[in-house]
Amino acid sequence: MIFRLANRVFGIELSSIREILSARRITRLPGAPPTVLGLINVRGTIVTVIDLGARLTGEPARAGGSVILVDHGTRAVGMAVDEVIDVQRLDDSSLGEDLDVVVSGGAVRALGRHEGHAVALLDPQDIISHVLA
């Protein structure tokens, strides 16, 4: 799945994603770090939402963007992004080797290209572990 944050293009393997939610009201947590937006209710389950924009680019995700829900251990965690672009298969030949690089606090698993844009494929588990540690 390909999404945008602050005019940069990122991707996450579709198998890592539980669902994509449209913008919704997020309840702030007093004293939470700026990378934690707060909590949302997803069909009776309270889910922590992290600001992927603040974590990766230093700019908060756009209000009204989407929330990508991923499983993290036994619970779901939301990641706020500016815009979900599309679900596309990236050609394996466009992917770089597993880089195991950390860029601005986010784990980049590989680099690829999609429609002329460089796409950083992220490891959501690593990102969430660093934010909620």
N, C-alpha and C. Protein backbone atom coordinates (compact mmCIF):
# COMPACT_ATOMS: atom_id res chain seq x y z
N MET A 1 0.84 -1.16 0.00
CA MET A 1 0.00 0.00 0.00
C MET A 1 0.89 1.23 0.00
N ILE A 2 0.55 2.19 -0.80
CA ILE A 2 1.37 3.39 -0.96
C ILE A 2 0.61 4.57 -0.37
N PHE A 3 1.34 5.40 0.40
CA PHE A 3 0.71 6.57 1.01
C PHE A 3 1.68 7.73 1.01
N ARG A 4 1.13 8.91 1.30
CA ARG A 4 1.92 10.14 1.25
C ARG A 4 1.99 10.76 2.64
N LEU A 5 3.17 11.30 2.94
CA LEU A 5 3.42 12.10 4.14
C LEU A 5 4.29 13.27 3.73
N ALA A 6 3.79 14.47 3.91
CA ALA A 6 4.58 15.69 3.64
C ALA A 6 5.28 15.63 2.28
N ASN A 7 4.54 15.31 1.24
CA ASN A 7 5.05 15.25 -0.14
C ASN A 7 6.10 14.18 -0.36
N ARG A 8 6.20 13.23 0.53
CA ARG A 8 7.07 12.06 0.34
C ARG A 8 6.18 10.83 0.21
N VAL A 9 6.67 9.83 -0.52
CA VAL A 9 5.88 8.63 -0.76
C VAL A 9 6.50 7.47 0.00
N PHE A 10 5.65 6.76 0.74
CA PHE A 10 6.07 5.61 1.53
C PHE A 10 5.18 4.43 1.19
N GLY A 11 5.59 3.26 1.60
CA GLY A 11 4.77 2.07 1.40
C GLY A 11 4.90 1.12 2.58
N ILE A 12 3.87 0.30 2.74
CA ILE A 12 3.86 -0.77 3.73
C ILE A 12 3.30 -1.99 3.03
N GLU A 13 3.88 -3.15 3.30
CA GLU A 13 3.37 -4.38 2.71
C GLU A 13 1.92 -4.57 3.13
N LEU A 14 1.08 -4.91 2.19
CA LEU A 14 -0.34 -5.06 2.45
C LEU A 14 -0.63 -6.12 3.52
N SER A 15 0.20 -7.13 3.58
CA SER A 15 -0.03 -8.20 4.57
C SER A 15 0.14 -7.69 6.00
N SER A 16 0.76 -6.54 6.20
CA SER A 16 0.94 -5.96 7.53
C SER A 16 -0.26 -5.14 7.98
N ILE A 17 -1.18 -4.85 7.07
CA ILE A 17 -2.27 -3.91 7.34
C ILE A 17 -3.56 -4.66 7.66
N ARG A 18 -4.20 -4.25 8.77
CA ARG A 18 -5.50 -4.82 9.14
C ARG A 18 -6.61 -4.13 8.37
N GLU A 19 -6.60 -2.79 8.38
CA GLU A 19 -7.60 -2.02 7.63
C GLU A 19 -7.16 -0.57 7.54
N ILE A 20 -7.85 0.17 6.66
CA ILE A 20 -7.59 1.60 6.48
C ILE A 20 -8.86 2.33 6.89
N LEU A 21 -8.70 3.30 7.78
CA LEU A 21 -9.84 4.05 8.30
C LEU A 21 -9.81 5.48 7.77
N SER A 22 -10.98 6.02 7.50
CA SER A 22 -11.05 7.43 7.13
C SER A 22 -10.83 8.27 8.39
N ALA A 23 -10.65 9.55 8.19
CA ALA A 23 -10.39 10.46 9.31
C ALA A 23 -11.49 10.34 10.35
N ARG A 24 -11.10 10.40 11.60
CA ARG A 24 -12.05 10.37 12.70
C ARG A 24 -11.50 11.15 13.87
N ARG A 25 -12.36 11.43 14.82
CA ARG A 25 -11.97 12.20 16.00
C ARG A 25 -11.00 11.38 16.85
N ILE A 26 -9.89 11.99 17.20
CA ILE A 26 -8.87 11.35 18.03
C ILE A 26 -8.84 12.07 19.37
N THR A 27 -8.93 11.31 20.45
CA THR A 27 -8.88 11.87 21.80
C THR A 27 -7.43 11.95 22.24
N ARG A 28 -6.96 13.17 22.49
CA ARG A 28 -5.57 13.39 22.93
C ARG A 28 -5.33 12.79 24.30
N LEU A 29 -4.11 12.37 24.53
CA LEU A 29 -3.70 11.86 25.84
C LEU A 29 -2.79 12.90 26.49
N PRO A 30 -3.18 13.44 27.64
CA PRO A 30 -2.33 14.43 28.31
C PRO A 30 -0.95 13.84 28.61
N GLY A 31 0.07 14.59 28.29
CA GLY A 31 1.44 14.16 28.57
C GLY A 31 2.03 13.18 27.57
N ALA A 32 1.27 12.82 26.53
CA ALA A 32 1.79 11.89 25.52
C ALA A 32 2.82 12.60 24.66
N PRO A 33 3.80 11.87 24.16
CA PRO A 33 4.79 12.49 23.27
C PRO A 33 4.11 12.96 21.98
N PRO A 34 4.73 13.90 21.25
CA PRO A 34 4.11 14.44 20.03
C PRO A 34 3.87 13.38 18.94
N THR A 35 4.56 12.27 19.01
CA THR A 35 4.36 11.22 18.01
C THR A 35 3.14 10.35 18.31
N VAL A 36 2.54 10.52 19.49
CA VAL A 36 1.31 9.80 19.82
C VAL A 36 0.15 10.80 19.74
N LEU A 37 -0.73 10.61 18.75
CA LEU A 37 -1.86 11.52 18.57
C LEU A 37 -2.92 11.32 19.64
N GLY A 38 -3.16 10.08 20.04
CA GLY A 38 -4.17 9.80 21.04
C GLY A 38 -4.86 8.48 20.79
N LEU A 39 -6.16 8.43 21.13
CA LEU A 39 -6.92 7.19 21.06
C LEU A 39 -8.15 7.36 20.18
N ILE A 40 -8.53 6.26 19.50
CA ILE A 40 -9.77 6.21 18.75
C ILE A 40 -10.52 4.95 19.15
N ASN A 41 -11.82 4.96 18.92
CA ASN A 41 -12.65 3.80 19.18
C ASN A 41 -12.96 3.15 17.85
N VAL A 42 -12.54 1.90 17.69
CA VAL A 42 -12.81 1.16 16.47
C VAL A 42 -13.70 -0.03 16.83
N ARG A 43 -14.98 0.15 16.59
CA ARG A 43 -15.97 -0.89 16.88
C ARG A 43 -15.82 -1.45 18.30
N GLY A 44 -15.70 -0.55 19.27
CA GLY A 44 -15.63 -0.95 20.67
C GLY A 44 -14.24 -1.26 21.20
N THR A 45 -13.23 -1.19 20.36
CA THR A 45 -11.85 -1.42 20.77
C THR A 45 -11.11 -0.08 20.77
N ILE A 46 -10.44 0.22 21.88
CA ILE A 46 -9.65 1.45 21.97
C ILE A 46 -8.30 1.22 21.32
N VAL A 47 -7.95 2.09 20.38
CA VAL A 47 -6.72 1.94 19.58
C VAL A 47 -5.86 3.19 19.74
N THR A 48 -4.58 3.00 20.04
CA THR A 48 -3.62 4.09 20.08
C THR A 48 -3.26 4.48 18.65
N VAL A 49 -3.22 5.79 18.38
CA VAL A 49 -2.86 6.28 17.04
C VAL A 49 -1.57 7.07 17.15
N ILE A 50 -0.58 6.67 16.35
CA ILE A 50 0.67 7.41 16.30
C ILE A 50 0.67 8.30 15.07
N ASP A 51 1.39 9.40 15.14
CA ASP A 51 1.50 10.33 14.03
C ASP A 51 2.72 9.94 13.21
N LEU A 52 2.48 9.21 12.13
CA LEU A 52 3.58 8.73 11.30
C LEU A 52 4.32 9.89 10.65
N GLY A 53 3.61 10.97 10.36
CA GLY A 53 4.26 12.15 9.78
C GLY A 53 5.27 12.75 10.73
N ALA A 54 4.87 12.96 11.98
CA ALA A 54 5.78 13.52 12.98
C ALA A 54 6.97 12.60 13.20
N ARG A 55 6.75 11.31 13.15
CA ARG A 55 7.83 10.34 13.40
C ARG A 55 8.82 10.27 12.25
N LEU A 56 8.32 10.33 11.01
CA LEU A 56 9.20 10.11 9.86
C LEU A 56 9.71 11.38 9.20
N THR A 57 8.87 12.43 9.17
CA THR A 57 9.26 13.62 8.43
C THR A 57 9.44 14.84 9.31
N GLY A 58 9.02 14.75 10.56
CA GLY A 58 9.10 15.89 11.46
C GLY A 58 7.92 16.83 11.33
N GLU A 59 7.02 16.56 10.36
CA GLU A 59 5.81 17.36 10.17
C GLU A 59 4.60 16.51 10.52
N PRO A 60 3.68 17.03 11.32
CA PRO A 60 2.50 16.23 11.69
C PRO A 60 1.70 15.81 10.47
N ALA A 61 1.08 14.64 10.56
CA ALA A 61 0.21 14.18 9.49
C ALA A 61 -0.95 15.16 9.36
N ARG A 62 -1.43 15.32 8.16
CA ARG A 62 -2.51 16.26 7.85
C ARG A 62 -3.79 15.84 8.57
N ALA A 63 -4.42 16.80 9.25
CA ALA A 63 -5.72 16.53 9.86
C ALA A 63 -6.69 16.14 8.76
N GLY A 64 -7.48 15.14 8.99
CA GLY A 64 -8.41 14.69 7.97
C GLY A 64 -7.83 13.63 7.06
N GLY A 65 -6.61 13.20 7.33
CA GLY A 65 -6.00 12.13 6.55
C GLY A 65 -6.56 10.78 6.98
N SER A 66 -5.88 9.72 6.61
CA SER A 66 -6.32 8.37 6.93
C SER A 66 -5.55 7.79 8.10
N VAL A 67 -6.10 6.73 8.67
CA VAL A 67 -5.42 5.99 9.73
C VAL A 67 -5.26 4.55 9.24
N ILE A 68 -4.01 4.09 9.21
CA ILE A 68 -3.71 2.72 8.81
C ILE A 68 -3.63 1.89 10.08
N LEU A 69 -4.46 0.85 10.16
CA LEU A 69 -4.49 -0.02 11.34
C LEU A 69 -3.63 -1.24 11.08
N VAL A 70 -2.69 -1.50 11.99
CA VAL A 70 -1.84 -2.68 11.90
C VAL A 70 -1.89 -3.42 13.22
N ASP A 71 -1.64 -4.72 13.18
CA ASP A 71 -1.55 -5.51 14.40
C ASP A 71 -0.14 -5.36 14.95
N HIS A 72 -0.07 -5.17 16.25
CA HIS A 72 1.22 -5.09 16.94
C HIS A 72 1.11 -5.98 18.17
N GLY A 73 1.63 -7.18 18.04
CA GLY A 73 1.45 -8.15 19.11
C GLY A 73 -0.02 -8.53 19.18
N THR A 74 -0.61 -8.35 20.36
CA THR A 74 -2.02 -8.73 20.55
C THR A 74 -2.98 -7.57 20.39
N ARG A 75 -2.48 -6.41 20.03
CA ARG A 75 -3.36 -5.25 19.91
C ARG A 75 -3.19 -4.56 18.56
N ALA A 76 -4.17 -3.74 18.23
CA ALA A 76 -4.12 -2.96 16.99
C ALA A 76 -3.57 -1.58 17.33
N VAL A 77 -2.79 -1.02 16.40
CA VAL A 77 -2.25 0.33 16.53
C VAL A 77 -2.54 1.06 15.23
N GLY A 78 -2.94 2.32 15.35
CA GLY A 78 -3.21 3.13 14.17
C GLY A 78 -2.03 4.03 13.84
N MET A 79 -1.82 4.27 12.57
CA MET A 79 -0.76 5.16 12.10
C MET A 79 -1.42 6.21 11.20
N ALA A 80 -1.38 7.48 11.64
CA ALA A 80 -2.00 8.57 10.87
C ALA A 80 -1.08 8.97 9.72
N VAL A 81 -1.66 9.08 8.51
CA VAL A 81 -0.93 9.49 7.31
C VAL A 81 -1.71 10.59 6.61
N ASP A 82 -1.06 11.33 5.73
CA ASP A 82 -1.72 12.41 5.00
C ASP A 82 -2.75 11.87 4.02
N GLU A 83 -2.35 10.88 3.24
CA GLU A 83 -3.21 10.40 2.17
C GLU A 83 -2.80 9.00 1.75
N VAL A 84 -3.75 8.09 1.68
CA VAL A 84 -3.51 6.78 1.11
C VAL A 84 -3.66 6.93 -0.39
N ILE A 85 -2.62 6.58 -1.13
CA ILE A 85 -2.63 6.79 -2.58
C ILE A 85 -3.28 5.61 -3.30
N ASP A 86 -2.78 4.41 -3.02
CA ASP A 86 -3.27 3.27 -3.78
C ASP A 86 -2.69 1.99 -3.20
N VAL A 87 -3.30 0.90 -3.58
CA VAL A 87 -2.73 -0.42 -3.31
C VAL A 87 -2.17 -0.89 -4.64
N GLN A 88 -0.86 -0.97 -4.72
CA GLN A 88 -0.18 -1.34 -5.96
C GLN A 88 0.89 -2.37 -5.67
N ARG A 89 1.12 -3.20 -6.64
CA ARG A 89 2.23 -4.15 -6.56
C ARG A 89 3.46 -3.46 -7.12
N LEU A 90 4.51 -3.41 -6.31
CA LEU A 90 5.77 -2.86 -6.80
C LEU A 90 6.55 -3.98 -7.45
N ASP A 91 7.08 -3.70 -8.60
CA ASP A 91 7.88 -4.68 -9.32
C ASP A 91 9.11 -5.02 -8.49
N ASP A 92 9.34 -6.32 -8.27
CA ASP A 92 10.48 -6.76 -7.47
C ASP A 92 11.80 -6.21 -8.00
N SER A 93 11.87 -5.98 -9.31
CA SER A 93 13.11 -5.46 -9.88
C SER A 93 13.35 -4.01 -9.49
N SER A 94 12.30 -3.31 -9.02
CA SER A 94 12.48 -1.92 -8.62
C SER A 94 12.88 -1.79 -7.16
N LEU A 95 12.86 -2.89 -6.43
CA LEU A 95 13.17 -2.84 -5.01
C LEU A 95 14.67 -2.97 -4.77
N GLY A 96 15.17 -2.14 -3.86
CA GLY A 96 16.56 -2.25 -3.47
C GLY A 96 16.72 -3.40 -2.48
N GLU A 97 17.92 -3.70 -2.15
CA GLU A 97 18.18 -4.74 -1.15
C GLU A 97 17.63 -4.32 0.19
N ASP A 98 17.45 -5.28 1.07
CA ASP A 98 17.02 -4.98 2.43
C ASP A 98 18.08 -4.09 3.06
N LEU A 99 17.71 -2.87 3.38
CA LEU A 99 18.70 -1.88 3.78
C LEU A 99 18.95 -1.82 5.28
N ASP A 100 17.92 -2.22 6.07
CA ASP A 100 18.04 -2.16 7.52
C ASP A 100 18.58 -0.80 7.96
N VAL A 101 17.98 0.25 7.39
CA VAL A 101 18.41 1.62 7.65
C VAL A 101 17.33 2.32 8.46
N VAL A 102 17.73 3.17 9.35
CA VAL A 102 16.76 3.98 10.08
C VAL A 102 16.87 5.40 9.53
N VAL A 103 15.73 5.93 9.05
CA VAL A 103 15.68 7.27 8.49
C VAL A 103 14.69 8.07 9.31
N SER A 104 15.15 9.12 9.97
CA SER A 104 14.29 10.00 10.77
C SER A 104 13.38 9.22 11.70
N GLY A 105 13.90 8.18 12.33
CA GLY A 105 13.14 7.44 13.31
C GLY A 105 12.25 6.36 12.74
N GLY A 106 12.34 6.06 11.47
CA GLY A 106 11.51 5.01 10.89
C GLY A 106 12.37 3.97 10.21
N ALA A 107 11.99 2.72 10.33
CA ALA A 107 12.77 1.64 9.72
C ALA A 107 12.39 1.49 8.26
N VAL A 108 13.34 1.62 7.39
CA VAL A 108 13.13 1.44 5.95
C VAL A 108 13.64 0.06 5.59
N ARG A 109 12.73 -0.79 5.09
CA ARG A 109 13.10 -2.16 4.74
C ARG A 109 13.69 -2.25 3.34
N ALA A 110 13.21 -1.41 2.44
CA ALA A 110 13.69 -1.44 1.06
C ALA A 110 13.28 -0.14 0.39
N LEU A 111 13.89 0.13 -0.73
CA LEU A 111 13.53 1.29 -1.55
C LEU A 111 13.07 0.80 -2.91
N GLY A 112 12.05 1.45 -3.43
CA GLY A 112 11.53 1.07 -4.73
C GLY A 112 11.08 2.30 -5.49
N ARG A 113 10.46 2.09 -6.65
CA ARG A 113 9.94 3.19 -7.44
C ARG A 113 8.51 2.85 -7.84
N HIS A 114 7.69 3.90 -7.87
CA HIS A 114 6.32 3.75 -8.32
C HIS A 114 5.93 5.03 -9.04
N GLU A 115 5.60 4.90 -10.32
CA GLU A 115 5.20 6.04 -11.15
C GLU A 115 6.16 7.22 -11.02
N GLY A 116 7.45 6.93 -11.08
CA GLY A 116 8.47 7.96 -11.06
C GLY A 116 8.85 8.47 -9.68
N HIS A 117 8.18 7.99 -8.64
CA HIS A 117 8.49 8.43 -7.28
C HIS A 117 9.29 7.35 -6.56
N ALA A 118 10.27 7.80 -5.76
CA ALA A 118 10.96 6.86 -4.89
C ALA A 118 10.00 6.49 -3.76
N VAL A 119 9.93 5.22 -3.43
CA VAL A 119 9.05 4.72 -2.38
C VAL A 119 9.90 4.03 -1.32
N ALA A 120 9.80 4.51 -0.09
CA ALA A 120 10.49 3.86 1.03
C ALA A 120 9.52 2.87 1.65
N LEU A 121 9.83 1.57 1.57
CA LEU A 121 8.98 0.55 2.17
C LEU A 121 9.34 0.42 3.64
N LEU A 122 8.35 0.64 4.49
CA LEU A 122 8.59 0.72 5.93
C LEU A 122 8.27 -0.58 6.65
N ASP A 123 8.89 -0.74 7.80
CA ASP A 123 8.59 -1.84 8.70
C ASP A 123 7.75 -1.28 9.84
N PRO A 124 6.42 -1.44 9.79
CA PRO A 124 5.57 -0.83 10.81
C PRO A 124 5.84 -1.33 12.21
N GLN A 125 6.25 -2.58 12.35
CA GLN A 125 6.52 -3.12 13.68
C GLN A 125 7.68 -2.40 14.35
N ASP A 126 8.71 -2.10 13.59
CA ASP A 126 9.86 -1.39 14.14
C ASP A 126 9.48 0.04 14.53
N ILE A 127 8.70 0.69 13.68
CA ILE A 127 8.28 2.06 13.97
C ILE A 127 7.45 2.10 15.25
N ILE A 128 6.47 1.23 15.34
CA ILE A 128 5.58 1.20 16.51
C ILE A 128 6.37 0.87 17.77
N SER A 129 7.29 -0.07 17.68
CA SER A 129 8.11 -0.42 18.85
C SER A 129 8.89 0.77 19.38
N HIS A 130 9.42 1.60 18.47
CA HIS A 130 10.18 2.77 18.90
C HIS A 130 9.28 3.84 19.52
N VAL A 131 8.08 4.02 18.98
CA VAL A 131 7.18 5.05 19.48
C VAL A 131 6.56 4.66 20.81
N LEU A 132 6.14 3.40 20.93
CA LEU A 132 5.43 2.97 22.13
C LEU A 132 6.31 2.26 23.14
N ALA A 133 7.61 2.39 22.99
CA ALA A 133 8.53 1.71 23.92
C ALA A 133 8.47 2.28 25.31
